[in-house]
Amino acid sequence: MSQTNINIRMDEELKKQFDKFCSDVGITMTSAICIFAKKVVKEQKIPFEITADPFYSTANIKGLEESN
């Protein structure tokens, strides 16, 4: 299987925390991202729930606009 590179950008502090977590569980960040990608492809979905921040909900934005 041939390999390829990807480049991603993330917050520096998040990268440090992610690197520490990966180190603590004995894997590299590359391995963790590959595990994530394989799970996504196998299940055809993100393997955890993603929700919107309620701060940005339509009702909250409307309330904020009305309070001005």
N, C-alpha and C. Protein backbone atom coordinates (compact mmCIF):
# COMPACT_ATOMS: atom_id res chain seq x y z
N MET A 1 0.86 -1.18 0.00
CA MET A 1 0.00 0.00 0.00
C MET A 1 0.90 1.23 0.00
N SER A 2 0.67 2.12 -0.95
CA SER A 2 1.50 3.32 -0.98
C SER A 2 1.02 4.33 0.06
N GLN A 3 1.90 5.16 0.49
CA GLN A 3 1.62 6.16 1.53
C GLN A 3 1.54 7.53 0.88
N THR A 4 0.83 8.43 1.53
CA THR A 4 0.76 9.82 1.10
C THR A 4 0.80 10.71 2.34
N ASN A 5 1.08 11.95 2.15
CA ASN A 5 1.13 12.91 3.26
C ASN A 5 -0.10 13.80 3.23
N ILE A 6 -0.52 14.23 4.42
CA ILE A 6 -1.55 15.26 4.53
C ILE A 6 -1.00 16.33 5.47
N ASN A 7 -1.45 17.53 5.28
CA ASN A 7 -1.08 18.64 6.17
C ASN A 7 -2.35 19.17 6.79
N ILE A 8 -2.33 19.37 8.09
CA ILE A 8 -3.47 19.95 8.78
C ILE A 8 -2.99 21.10 9.65
N ARG A 9 -3.88 22.00 9.92
CA ARG A 9 -3.59 23.11 10.83
C ARG A 9 -4.46 22.95 12.05
N MET A 10 -3.88 23.18 13.20
CA MET A 10 -4.66 23.20 14.44
C MET A 10 -3.97 24.11 15.43
N ASP A 11 -4.72 24.51 16.41
CA ASP A 11 -4.21 25.34 17.49
C ASP A 11 -2.99 24.68 18.13
N GLU A 12 -1.97 25.46 18.39
CA GLU A 12 -0.72 24.92 18.94
C GLU A 12 -0.93 24.20 20.27
N GLU A 13 -1.74 24.78 21.14
CA GLU A 13 -1.98 24.14 22.45
C GLU A 13 -2.74 22.83 22.29
N LEU A 14 -3.70 22.80 21.38
CA LEU A 14 -4.43 21.56 21.10
C LEU A 14 -3.47 20.48 20.59
N LYS A 15 -2.54 20.87 19.72
CA LYS A 15 -1.56 19.92 19.20
C LYS A 15 -0.72 19.34 20.33
N LYS A 16 -0.28 20.20 21.24
CA LYS A 16 0.51 19.72 22.38
C LYS A 16 -0.28 18.74 23.24
N GLN A 17 -1.54 19.08 23.51
CA GLN A 17 -2.38 18.20 24.32
C GLN A 17 -2.65 16.88 23.61
N PHE A 18 -2.90 16.94 22.30
CA PHE A 18 -3.15 15.73 21.52
C PHE A 18 -1.90 14.85 21.47
N ASP A 19 -0.75 15.47 21.27
CA ASP A 19 0.52 14.73 21.25
C ASP A 19 0.76 14.05 22.59
N LYS A 20 0.48 14.74 23.69
CA LYS A 20 0.66 14.15 25.02
C LYS A 20 -0.28 12.97 25.21
N PHE A 21 -1.55 13.15 24.83
CA PHE A 21 -2.50 12.05 24.94
C PHE A 21 -2.02 10.84 24.16
N CYS A 22 -1.63 11.06 22.92
CA CYS A 22 -1.16 9.95 22.07
C CYS A 22 0.04 9.26 22.71
N SER A 23 0.96 10.04 23.21
CA SER A 23 2.14 9.48 23.89
C SER A 23 1.72 8.66 25.11
N ASP A 24 0.78 9.19 25.87
CA ASP A 24 0.30 8.50 27.08
C ASP A 24 -0.32 7.15 26.78
N VAL A 25 -0.98 7.02 25.60
CA VAL A 25 -1.60 5.75 25.24
C VAL A 25 -0.72 4.91 24.32
N GLY A 26 0.48 5.41 24.04
CA GLY A 26 1.47 4.62 23.30
C GLY A 26 1.32 4.60 21.79
N ILE A 27 0.74 5.65 21.23
CA ILE A 27 0.65 5.74 19.77
C ILE A 27 1.14 7.10 19.32
N THR A 28 1.39 7.23 18.03
CA THR A 28 1.77 8.53 17.47
C THR A 28 0.53 9.28 17.04
N MET A 29 0.68 10.57 16.81
CA MET A 29 -0.44 11.35 16.30
C MET A 29 -0.84 10.83 14.92
N THR A 30 0.12 10.44 14.12
CA THR A 30 -0.18 9.88 12.80
C THR A 30 -1.04 8.64 12.93
N SER A 31 -0.67 7.75 13.85
CA SER A 31 -1.47 6.53 14.06
C SER A 31 -2.88 6.87 14.51
N ALA A 32 -3.02 7.83 15.41
CA ALA A 32 -4.34 8.22 15.91
C ALA A 32 -5.21 8.75 14.77
N ILE A 33 -4.65 9.58 13.92
CA ILE A 33 -5.41 10.14 12.81
C ILE A 33 -5.76 9.04 11.80
N CYS A 34 -4.86 8.10 11.57
CA CYS A 34 -5.16 6.97 10.68
C CYS A 34 -6.27 6.10 11.25
N ILE A 35 -6.24 5.86 12.56
CA ILE A 35 -7.30 5.08 13.21
C ILE A 35 -8.64 5.79 13.00
N PHE A 36 -8.66 7.10 13.21
CA PHE A 36 -9.88 7.89 13.01
C PHE A 36 -10.37 7.75 11.57
N ALA A 37 -9.48 7.92 10.59
CA ALA A 37 -9.86 7.84 9.18
C ALA A 37 -10.41 6.46 8.82
N LYS A 38 -9.77 5.41 9.31
CA LYS A 38 -10.24 4.04 9.03
C LYS A 38 -11.63 3.82 9.61
N LYS A 39 -11.87 4.32 10.82
CA LYS A 39 -13.18 4.15 11.46
C LYS A 39 -14.25 4.91 10.68
N VAL A 40 -13.95 6.12 10.24
CA VAL A 40 -14.89 6.91 9.45
C VAL A 40 -15.25 6.17 8.16
N VAL A 41 -14.25 5.65 7.46
CA VAL A 41 -14.50 4.95 6.21
C VAL A 41 -15.30 3.67 6.45
N LYS A 42 -14.95 2.93 7.48
CA LYS A 42 -15.64 1.67 7.78
C LYS A 42 -17.11 1.91 8.13
N GLU A 43 -17.37 2.90 8.99
CA GLU A 43 -18.73 3.16 9.48
C GLU A 43 -19.51 4.14 8.62
N GLN A 44 -18.80 4.85 7.72
CA GLN A 44 -19.42 5.87 6.87
C GLN A 44 -20.09 6.96 7.68
N LYS A 45 -19.45 7.30 8.80
CA LYS A 45 -19.93 8.41 9.63
C LYS A 45 -18.81 8.81 10.58
N ILE A 46 -18.93 9.99 11.14
CA ILE A 46 -18.01 10.42 12.18
C ILE A 46 -18.31 9.55 13.40
N PRO A 47 -17.29 8.95 14.03
CA PRO A 47 -17.55 7.98 15.11
C PRO A 47 -17.88 8.58 16.47
N PHE A 48 -18.37 9.79 16.48
CA PHE A 48 -18.83 10.42 17.71
C PHE A 48 -19.82 11.50 17.32
N GLU A 49 -20.64 11.90 18.29
CA GLU A 49 -21.66 12.90 18.02
C GLU A 49 -21.04 14.28 17.90
N ILE A 50 -21.48 15.01 16.90
CA ILE A 50 -21.06 16.40 16.72
C ILE A 50 -22.30 17.25 16.88
N THR A 51 -22.24 18.21 17.78
CA THR A 51 -23.39 19.08 18.01
C THR A 51 -22.98 20.53 17.85
N ALA A 52 -23.94 21.33 17.52
CA ALA A 52 -23.70 22.77 17.37
C ALA A 52 -23.63 23.41 18.75
N ASP A 53 -22.82 24.44 18.86
CA ASP A 53 -22.74 25.21 20.08
C ASP A 53 -24.06 25.96 20.24
N PRO A 54 -24.80 25.75 21.35
CA PRO A 54 -26.11 26.41 21.51
C PRO A 54 -26.03 27.93 21.49
N PHE A 55 -24.86 28.49 21.72
CA PHE A 55 -24.71 29.94 21.67
C PHE A 55 -25.10 30.46 20.29
N TYR A 56 -24.81 29.68 19.25
CA TYR A 56 -25.06 30.12 17.88
C TYR A 56 -26.42 29.68 17.35
N SER A 57 -27.29 29.20 18.22
CA SER A 57 -28.62 28.78 17.78
C SER A 57 -29.42 29.98 17.28
N THR A 58 -30.38 29.71 16.43
CA THR A 58 -31.22 30.77 15.88
C THR A 58 -31.93 31.54 16.98
N ALA A 59 -32.46 30.81 17.96
CA ALA A 59 -33.18 31.46 19.05
C ALA A 59 -32.27 32.37 19.86
N ASN A 60 -31.06 31.94 20.13
CA ASN A 60 -30.14 32.76 20.92
C ASN A 60 -29.70 33.99 20.14
N ILE A 61 -29.39 33.82 18.87
CA ILE A 61 -28.98 34.97 18.05
C ILE A 61 -30.11 36.00 18.00
N LYS A 62 -31.35 35.51 17.82
CA LYS A 62 -32.50 36.41 17.78
C LYS A 62 -32.61 37.16 19.12
N GLY A 63 -32.46 36.45 20.22
CA GLY A 63 -32.52 37.08 21.54
C GLY A 63 -31.43 38.13 21.72
N LEU A 64 -30.24 37.83 21.25
CA LEU A 64 -29.14 38.78 21.35
C LEU A 64 -29.41 40.03 20.52
N GLU A 65 -29.95 39.81 19.32
CA GLU A 65 -30.24 40.95 18.45
C GLU A 65 -31.34 41.83 19.05
N GLU A 66 -32.34 41.19 19.67
CA GLU A 66 -33.45 41.95 20.27
C GLU A 66 -33.02 42.72 21.50
N SER A 67 -31.96 42.26 22.18
CA SER A 67 -31.52 42.92 23.41
C SER A 67 -30.69 44.18 23.11
N ASN A 68 -30.32 44.38 21.86
CA ASN A 68 -29.52 45.57 21.50
C ASN A 68 -30.36 46.78 21.27
